[in-house]
Amino acid sequence: MIRMTVAGIGGFVLVFIEAYIVIMLKGYETLDFGGISPFVGVWSMNFFLLFSIFTQIKPWVKEKMETEKKLSVK
């Protein structure tokens, strides 16, 4: 549940970071997403990107801790 919450909030924040980057690169003053549907589409892509990253971090940290534990025993 924590991964989903953080991914949802992070995906929402990423939408605005991406929009800001586009505005700065193209020199626009405003950015129109073209409705709620494209906005939700971008938000969902960002959500799944962050969720997959967070899902892979969990086993990576676990494996790293096990490796450090094995190395410290020797």
PDB file of N, CA and C in Angstrom:
ATOM      1  N   MET A   1       0.810  -1.196   0.000  1.00  0.00           N
ATOM      2  CA  MET A   1       0.000   0.000   0.000  1.00  0.00           C
ATOM      3  C   MET A   1       0.857   1.265   0.000  1.00  0.00           C
ATOM      4  N   ILE A   2       1.971   1.192   0.693  1.00  0.00           N
ATOM      5  CA  ILE A   2       2.843   2.371   0.741  1.00  0.00           C
ATOM      6  C   ILE A   2       3.425   2.640  -0.641  1.00  0.00           C
ATOM      7  N   ARG A   3       3.825   1.554  -1.338  1.00  0.00           N
ATOM      8  CA  ARG A   3       4.371   1.737  -2.685  1.00  0.00           C
ATOM      9  C   ARG A   3       3.347   2.384  -3.604  1.00  0.00           C
ATOM     10  N   MET A   4       2.094   1.938  -3.505  1.00  0.00           N
ATOM     11  CA  MET A   4       1.042   2.494  -4.361  1.00  0.00           C
ATOM     12  C   MET A   4       0.785   3.968  -4.042  1.00  0.00           C
ATOM     13  N   THR A   5       0.773   4.296  -2.775  1.00  0.00           N
ATOM     14  CA  THR A   5       0.526   5.681  -2.374  1.00  0.00           C
ATOM     15  C   THR A   5       1.647   6.598  -2.846  1.00  0.00           C
ATOM     16  N   VAL A   6       2.876   6.183  -2.598  1.00  0.00           N
ATOM     17  CA  VAL A   6       4.022   7.006  -2.999  1.00  0.00           C
ATOM     18  C   VAL A   6       4.097   7.103  -4.520  1.00  0.00           C
ATOM     19  N   ALA A   7       3.811   5.993  -5.216  1.00  0.00           N
ATOM     20  CA  ALA A   7       3.831   6.024  -6.679  1.00  0.00           C
ATOM     21  C   ALA A   7       2.728   6.927  -7.224  1.00  0.00           C
ATOM     22  N   GLY A   8       1.563   6.923  -6.599  1.00  0.00           N
ATOM     23  CA  GLY A   8       0.475   7.789  -7.048  1.00  0.00           C
ATOM     24  C   GLY A   8       0.788   9.256  -6.863  1.00  0.00           C
ATOM     25  N   ILE A   9       1.280   9.598  -5.692  1.00  0.00           N
ATOM     26  CA  ILE A   9       1.639  10.996  -5.423  1.00  0.00           C
ATOM     27  C   ILE A   9       2.843  11.409  -6.265  1.00  0.00           C
ATOM     28  N   GLY A  10       3.841  10.530  -6.346  1.00  0.00           N
ATOM     29  CA  GLY A  10       5.022  10.829  -7.155  1.00  0.00           C
ATOM     30  C   GLY A  10       4.694  10.962  -8.629  1.00  0.00           C
ATOM     31  N   GLY A  11       3.783  10.123  -9.126  1.00  0.00           N
ATOM     32  CA  GLY A  11       3.363  10.226 -10.522  1.00  0.00           C
ATOM     33  C   GLY A  11       2.681  11.548 -10.805  1.00  0.00           C
ATOM     34  N   PHE A  12       1.872  12.012  -9.850  1.00  0.00           N
ATOM     35  CA  PHE A  12       1.202  13.303  -9.984  1.00  0.00           C
ATOM     36  C   PHE A  12       2.227  14.432 -10.025  1.00  0.00           C
ATOM     37  N   VAL A  13       3.219  14.363  -9.165  1.00  0.00           N
ATOM     38  CA  VAL A  13       4.271  15.387  -9.133  1.00  0.00           C
ATOM     39  C   VAL A  13       5.086  15.352 -10.423  1.00  0.00           C
ATOM     40  N   LEU A  14       5.376  14.147 -10.915  1.00  0.00           N
ATOM     41  CA  LEU A  14       6.150  14.028 -12.154  1.00  0.00           C
ATOM     42  C   LEU A  14       5.438  14.648 -13.350  1.00  0.00           C
ATOM     43  N   VAL A  15       4.110  14.584 -13.373  1.00  0.00           N
ATOM     44  CA  VAL A  15       3.362  15.214 -14.466  1.00  0.00           C
ATOM     45  C   VAL A  15       3.708  16.697 -14.539  1.00  0.00           C
ATOM     46  N   PHE A  16       3.749  17.354 -13.404  1.00  0.00           N
ATOM     47  CA  PHE A  16       4.023  18.788 -13.398  1.00  0.00           C
ATOM     48  C   PHE A  16       5.496  19.089 -13.648  1.00  0.00           C
ATOM     49  N   ILE A  17       6.378  18.222 -13.205  1.00  0.00           N
ATOM     50  CA  ILE A  17       7.801  18.404 -13.513  1.00  0.00           C
ATOM     51  C   ILE A  17       8.027  18.257 -15.011  1.00  0.00           C
ATOM     52  N   GLU A  18       7.404  17.239 -15.612  1.00  0.00           N
ATOM     53  CA  GLU A  18       7.534  17.045 -17.056  1.00  0.00           C
ATOM     54  C   GLU A  18       6.936  18.220 -17.820  1.00  0.00           C
ATOM     55  N   ALA A  19       5.789  18.710 -17.364  1.00  0.00           N
ATOM     56  CA  ALA A  19       5.157  19.859 -18.020  1.00  0.00           C
ATOM     57  C   ALA A  19       6.047  21.096 -17.911  1.00  0.00           C
ATOM     58  N   TYR A  20       6.663  21.293 -16.760  1.00  0.00           N
ATOM     59  CA  TYR A  20       7.559  22.434 -16.573  1.00  0.00           C
ATOM     60  C   TYR A  20       8.763  22.339 -17.515  1.00  0.00           C
ATOM     61  N   ILE A  21       9.306  21.137 -17.672  1.00  0.00           N
ATOM     62  CA  ILE A  21      10.440  20.949 -18.584  1.00  0.00           C
ATOM     63  C   ILE A  21      10.035  21.286 -20.013  1.00  0.00           C
ATOM     64  N   VAL A  22       8.857  20.826 -20.433  1.00  0.00           N
ATOM     65  CA  VAL A  22       8.378  21.127 -21.783  1.00  0.00           C
ATOM     66  C   VAL A  22       8.183  22.628 -21.959  1.00  0.00           C
ATOM     67  N   ILE A  23       7.609  23.275 -20.964  1.00  0.00           N
ATOM     68  CA  ILE A  23       7.388  24.722 -21.039  1.00  0.00           C
ATOM     69  C   ILE A  23       8.713  25.462 -21.169  1.00  0.00           C
ATOM     70  N   MET A  24       9.715  25.054 -20.405  1.00  0.00           N
ATOM     71  CA  MET A  24      11.012  25.737 -20.452  1.00  0.00           C
ATOM     72  C   MET A  24      11.720  25.483 -21.788  1.00  0.00           C
ATOM     73  N   LEU A  25      11.695  24.235 -22.275  1.00  0.00           N
ATOM     74  CA  LEU A  25      12.406  23.917 -23.515  1.00  0.00           C
ATOM     75  C   LEU A  25      11.761  24.559 -24.742  1.00  0.00           C
ATOM     76  N   LYS A  26      10.443  24.594 -24.773  1.00  0.00           N
ATOM     77  CA  LYS A  26       9.746  25.121 -25.946  1.00  0.00           C
ATOM     78  C   LYS A  26       9.449  26.609 -25.836  1.00  0.00           C
ATOM     79  N   GLY A  27       9.643  27.192 -24.663  1.00  0.00           N
ATOM     80  CA  GLY A  27       9.393  28.616 -24.499  1.00  0.00           C
ATOM     81  C   GLY A  27       7.921  28.976 -24.387  1.00  0.00           C
ATOM     82  N   TYR A  28       7.087  28.033 -24.013  1.00  0.00           N
ATOM     83  CA  TYR A  28       5.653  28.299 -23.852  1.00  0.00           C
ATOM     84  C   TYR A  28       5.397  29.015 -22.534  1.00  0.00           C
ATOM     85  N   GLU A  29       4.252  29.682 -22.472  1.00  0.00           N
ATOM     86  CA  GLU A  29       3.826  30.290 -21.213  1.00  0.00           C
ATOM     87  C   GLU A  29       2.824  29.410 -20.488  1.00  0.00           C
ATOM     88  N   THR A  30       2.051  28.651 -21.249  1.00  0.00           N
ATOM     89  CA  THR A  30       1.089  27.713 -20.662  1.00  0.00           C
ATOM     90  C   THR A  30       1.174  26.391 -21.411  1.00  0.00           C
ATOM     91  N   LEU A  31       0.586  25.369 -20.826  1.00  0.00           N
ATOM     92  CA  LEU A  31       0.574  24.049 -21.451  1.00  0.00           C
ATOM     93  C   LEU A  31      -0.818  23.465 -21.281  1.00  0.00           C
ATOM     94  N   ASP A  32      -1.421  23.064 -22.393  1.00  0.00           N
ATOM     95  CA  ASP A  32      -2.761  22.479 -22.366  1.00  0.00           C
ATOM     96  C   ASP A  32      -2.628  20.977 -22.576  1.00  0.00           C
ATOM     97  N   PHE A  33      -3.114  20.206 -21.617  1.00  0.00           N
ATOM     98  CA  PHE A  33      -3.039  18.751 -21.727  1.00  0.00           C
ATOM     99  C   PHE A  33      -4.069  18.200 -22.708  1.00  0.00           C
ATOM    100  N   GLY A  34      -5.052  18.975 -23.076  1.00  0.00           N
ATOM    101  CA  GLY A  34      -6.058  18.520 -24.019  1.00  0.00           C
ATOM    102  C   GLY A  34      -7.206  17.781 -23.353  1.00  0.00           C
ATOM    103  N   GLY A  35      -7.393  18.008 -22.089  1.00  0.00           N
ATOM    104  CA  GLY A  35      -8.493  17.361 -21.373  1.00  0.00           C
ATOM    105  C   GLY A  35      -7.992  16.498 -20.238  1.00  0.00           C
ATOM    106  N   ILE A  36      -8.937  15.884 -19.552  1.00  0.00           N
ATOM    107  CA  ILE A  36      -8.592  15.056 -18.400  1.00  0.00           C
ATOM    108  C   ILE A  36      -8.014  13.707 -18.832  1.00  0.00           C
ATOM    109  N   SER A  37      -8.443  13.204 -19.981  1.00  0.00           N
ATOM    110  CA  SER A  37      -7.998  11.880 -20.423  1.00  0.00           C
ATOM    111  C   SER A  37      -6.489  11.815 -20.681  1.00  0.00           C
ATOM    112  N   PRO A  38      -5.909  12.749 -21.443  1.00  0.00           N
ATOM    113  CA  PRO A  38      -4.455  12.707 -21.618  1.00  0.00           C
ATOM    114  C   PRO A  38      -3.694  12.916 -20.311  1.00  0.00           C
ATOM    115  N   PHE A  39      -4.239  13.777 -19.442  1.00  0.00           N
ATOM    116  CA  PHE A  39      -3.601  14.013 -18.147  1.00  0.00           C
ATOM    117  C   PHE A  39      -3.561  12.731 -17.323  1.00  0.00           C
ATOM    118  N   VAL A  40      -4.676  12.017 -17.273  1.00  0.00           N
ATOM    119  CA  VAL A  40      -4.741  10.759 -16.526  1.00  0.00           C
ATOM    120  C   VAL A  40      -3.849   9.709 -17.174  1.00  0.00           C
ATOM    121  N   GLY A  41      -3.739   9.728 -18.498  1.00  0.00           N
ATOM    122  CA  GLY A  41      -2.853   8.791 -19.189  1.00  0.00           C
ATOM    123  C   GLY A  41      -1.395   8.996 -18.810  1.00  0.00           C
ATOM    124  N   VAL A  42      -0.963  10.247 -18.774  1.00  0.00           N
ATOM    125  CA  VAL A  42       0.419  10.551 -18.382  1.00  0.00           C
ATOM    126  C   VAL A  42       0.634  10.209 -16.913  1.00  0.00           C
ATOM    127  N   TRP A  43      -0.345  10.525 -16.083  1.00  0.00           N
ATOM    128  CA  TRP A  43      -0.257  10.220 -14.657  1.00  0.00           C
ATOM    129  C   TRP A  43      -0.148   8.721 -14.432  1.00  0.00           C
ATOM    130  N   SER A  44      -0.925   7.932 -15.164  1.00  0.00           N
ATOM    131  CA  SER A  44      -0.869   6.476 -14.984  1.00  0.00           C
ATOM    132  C   SER A  44       0.463   5.905 -15.459  1.00  0.00           C
ATOM    133  N   MET A  45       1.012   6.446 -16.545  1.00  0.00           N
ATOM    134  CA  MET A  45       2.332   5.974 -16.989  1.00  0.00           C
ATOM    135  C   MET A  45       3.393   6.266 -15.937  1.00  0.00           C
ATOM    136  N   ASN A  46       3.342   7.456 -15.355  1.00  0.00           N
ATOM    137  CA  ASN A  46       4.290   7.806 -14.299  1.00  0.00           C
ATOM    138  C   ASN A  46       4.088   6.936 -13.063  1.00  0.00           C
ATOM    139  N   PHE A  47       2.818   6.641 -12.734  1.00  0.00           N
ATOM    140  CA  PHE A  47       2.518   5.773 -11.599  1.00  0.00           C
ATOM    141  C   PHE A  47       3.159   4.404 -11.790  1.00  0.00           C
ATOM    142  N   PHE A  48       2.945   3.792 -12.950  1.00  0.00           N
ATOM    143  CA  PHE A  48       3.482   2.453 -13.175  1.00  0.00           C
ATOM    144  C   PHE A  48       5.007   2.453 -13.266  1.00  0.00           C
ATOM    145  N   LEU A  49       5.589   3.525 -13.772  1.00  0.00           N
ATOM    146  CA  LEU A  49       7.048   3.639 -13.778  1.00  0.00           C
ATOM    147  C   LEU A  49       7.583   3.641 -12.354  1.00  0.00           C
ATOM    148  N   LEU A  50       7.031   4.501 -11.507  1.00  0.00           N
ATOM    149  CA  LEU A  50       7.494   4.577 -10.120  1.00  0.00           C
ATOM    150  C   LEU A  50       7.180   3.303  -9.348  1.00  0.00           C
ATOM    151  N   PHE A  51       6.009   2.717  -9.577  1.00  0.00           N
ATOM    152  CA  PHE A  51       5.638   1.493  -8.873  1.00  0.00           C
ATOM    153  C   PHE A  51       6.592   0.358  -9.224  1.00  0.00           C
ATOM    154  N   SER A  52       6.971   0.246 -10.502  1.00  0.00           N
ATOM    155  CA  SER A  52       7.912  -0.810 -10.886  1.00  0.00           C
ATOM    156  C   SER A  52       9.300  -0.557 -10.298  1.00  0.00           C
ATOM    157  N   ILE A  53       9.711   0.693 -10.217  1.00  0.00           N
ATOM    158  CA  ILE A  53      11.000   1.013  -9.597  1.00  0.00           C
ATOM    159  C   ILE A  53      10.975   0.653  -8.120  1.00  0.00           C
ATOM    160  N   PHE A  54       9.900   1.043  -7.421  1.00  0.00           N
ATOM    161  CA  PHE A  54       9.793   0.730  -5.991  1.00  0.00           C
ATOM    162  C   PHE A  54       9.706  -0.772  -5.746  1.00  0.00           C
ATOM    163  N   THR A  55       9.061  -1.496  -6.660  1.00  0.00           N
ATOM    164  CA  THR A  55       8.958  -2.946  -6.517  1.00  0.00           C
ATOM    165  C   THR A  55      10.331  -3.594  -6.637  1.00  0.00           C
ATOM    166  N   GLN A  56      11.190  -3.073  -7.481  1.00  0.00           N
ATOM    167  CA  GLN A  56      12.525  -3.639  -7.649  1.00  0.00           C
ATOM    168  C   GLN A  56      13.478  -3.207  -6.542  1.00  0.00           C
ATOM    169  N   ILE A  57      13.224  -2.076  -5.923  1.00  0.00           N
ATOM    170  CA  ILE A  57      14.090  -1.603  -4.837  1.00  0.00           C
ATOM    171  C   ILE A  57      14.002  -2.527  -3.631  1.00  0.00           C
ATOM    172  N   LYS A  58      12.805  -3.029  -3.337  1.00  0.00           N
ATOM    173  CA  LYS A  58      12.610  -3.869  -2.155  1.00  0.00           C
ATOM    174  C   LYS A  58      13.497  -5.117  -2.182  1.00  0.00           C
ATOM    175  N   PRO A  59      13.489  -5.941  -3.255  1.00  0.00           N
ATOM    176  CA  PRO A  59      14.392  -7.103  -3.256  1.00  0.00           C
ATOM    177  C   PRO A  59      15.869  -6.711  -3.346  1.00  0.00           C
ATOM    178  N   TRP A  60      16.168  -5.577  -3.986  1.00  0.00           N
ATOM    179  CA  TRP A  60      17.557  -5.147  -4.088  1.00  0.00           C
ATOM    180  C   TRP A  60      18.117  -4.824  -2.707  1.00  0.00           C
ATOM    181  N   VAL A  61      17.339  -4.111  -1.898  1.00  0.00           N
ATOM    182  CA  VAL A  61      17.785  -3.771  -0.542  1.00  0.00           C
ATOM    183  C   VAL A  61      17.941  -5.036   0.291  1.00  0.00           C
ATOM    184  N   LYS A  62      16.997  -5.957   0.164  1.00  0.00           N
ATOM    185  CA  LYS A  62      17.064  -7.206   0.913  1.00  0.00           C
ATOM    186  C   LYS A  62      18.314  -8.000   0.534  1.00  0.00           C
ATOM    187  N   GLU A  63      18.589  -8.095  -0.761  1.00  0.00           N
ATOM    188  CA  GLU A  63      19.772  -8.813  -1.226  1.00  0.00           C
ATOM    189  C   GLU A  63      21.053  -8.119  -0.772  1.00  0.00           C
ATOM    190  N   LYS A  64      21.060  -6.797  -0.795  1.00  0.00           N
ATOM    191  CA  LYS A  64      22.236  -6.040  -0.363  1.00  0.00           C
ATOM    192  C   LYS A  64      22.520  -6.277   1.114  1.00  0.00           C
ATOM    193  N   MET A  65      21.469  -6.284   1.935  1.00  0.00           N
ATOM    194  CA  MET A  65      21.649  -6.511   3.370  1.00  0.00           C
ATOM    195  C   MET A  65      22.156  -7.927   3.644  1.00  0.00           C
ATOM    196  N   GLU A  66      21.646  -8.909   2.899  1.00  0.00           N
ATOM    197  CA  GLU A  66      22.113 -10.283   3.070  1.00  0.00           C
ATOM    198  C   GLU A  66      23.580 -10.414   2.670  1.00  0.00           C
ATOM    199  N   THR A  67      23.968  -9.748   1.597  1.00  0.00           N
ATOM    200  CA  THR A  67      25.362  -9.790   1.152  1.00  0.00           C
ATOM    201  C   THR A  67      26.275  -9.136   2.180  1.00  0.00           C
ATOM    202  N   GLU A  68      25.868  -7.991   2.718  1.00  0.00           N
ATOM    203  CA  GLU A  68      26.676  -7.328   3.746  1.00  0.00           C
ATOM    204  C   GLU A  68      26.775  -8.180   4.999  1.00  0.00           C
ATOM    205  N   LYS A  69      25.712  -8.868   5.323  1.00  0.00           N
ATOM    206  CA  LYS A  69      25.716  -9.737   6.496  1.00  0.00           C
ATOM    207  C   LYS A  69      26.678 -10.907   6.296  1.00  0.00           C
ATOM    208  N   LYS A  70      26.682 -11.487   5.092  1.00  0.00           N
ATOM    209  CA  LYS A  70      27.589 -12.598   4.795  1.00  0.00           C
ATOM    210  C   LYS A  70      29.043 -12.132   4.822  1.00  0.00           C
ATOM    211  N   LEU A  71      29.295 -10.943   4.304  1.00  0.00           N
ATOM    212  CA  LEU A  71      30.665 -10.433   4.269  1.00  0.00           C
ATOM    213  C   LEU A  71      31.169 -10.066   5.662  1.00  0.00           C
ATOM    214  N   SER A  72      30.290  -9.609   6.518  1.00  0.00           N
ATOM    215  CA  SER A  72      30.720  -9.226   7.857  1.00  0.00           C
ATOM    216  C   SER A  72      30.970 -10.441   8.746  1.00  0.00           C
ATOM    217  N   VAL A  73      30.369 -11.579   8.426  1.00  0.00           N
ATOM    218  CA  VAL A  73      30.556 -12.794   9.219  1.00  0.00           C
ATOM    219  C   VAL A  73      31.946 -13.367   8.992  1.00  0.00           C
ATOM    220  N   LYS A  74      32.466 -13.248   7.785  1.00  0.00           N
ATOM    221  CA  LYS A  74      33.759 -13.855   7.449  1.00  0.00           C
ATOM    222  C   LYS A  74      34.886 -13.173   8.099  1.00  0.00           C
TER     223      LYS A  74
END
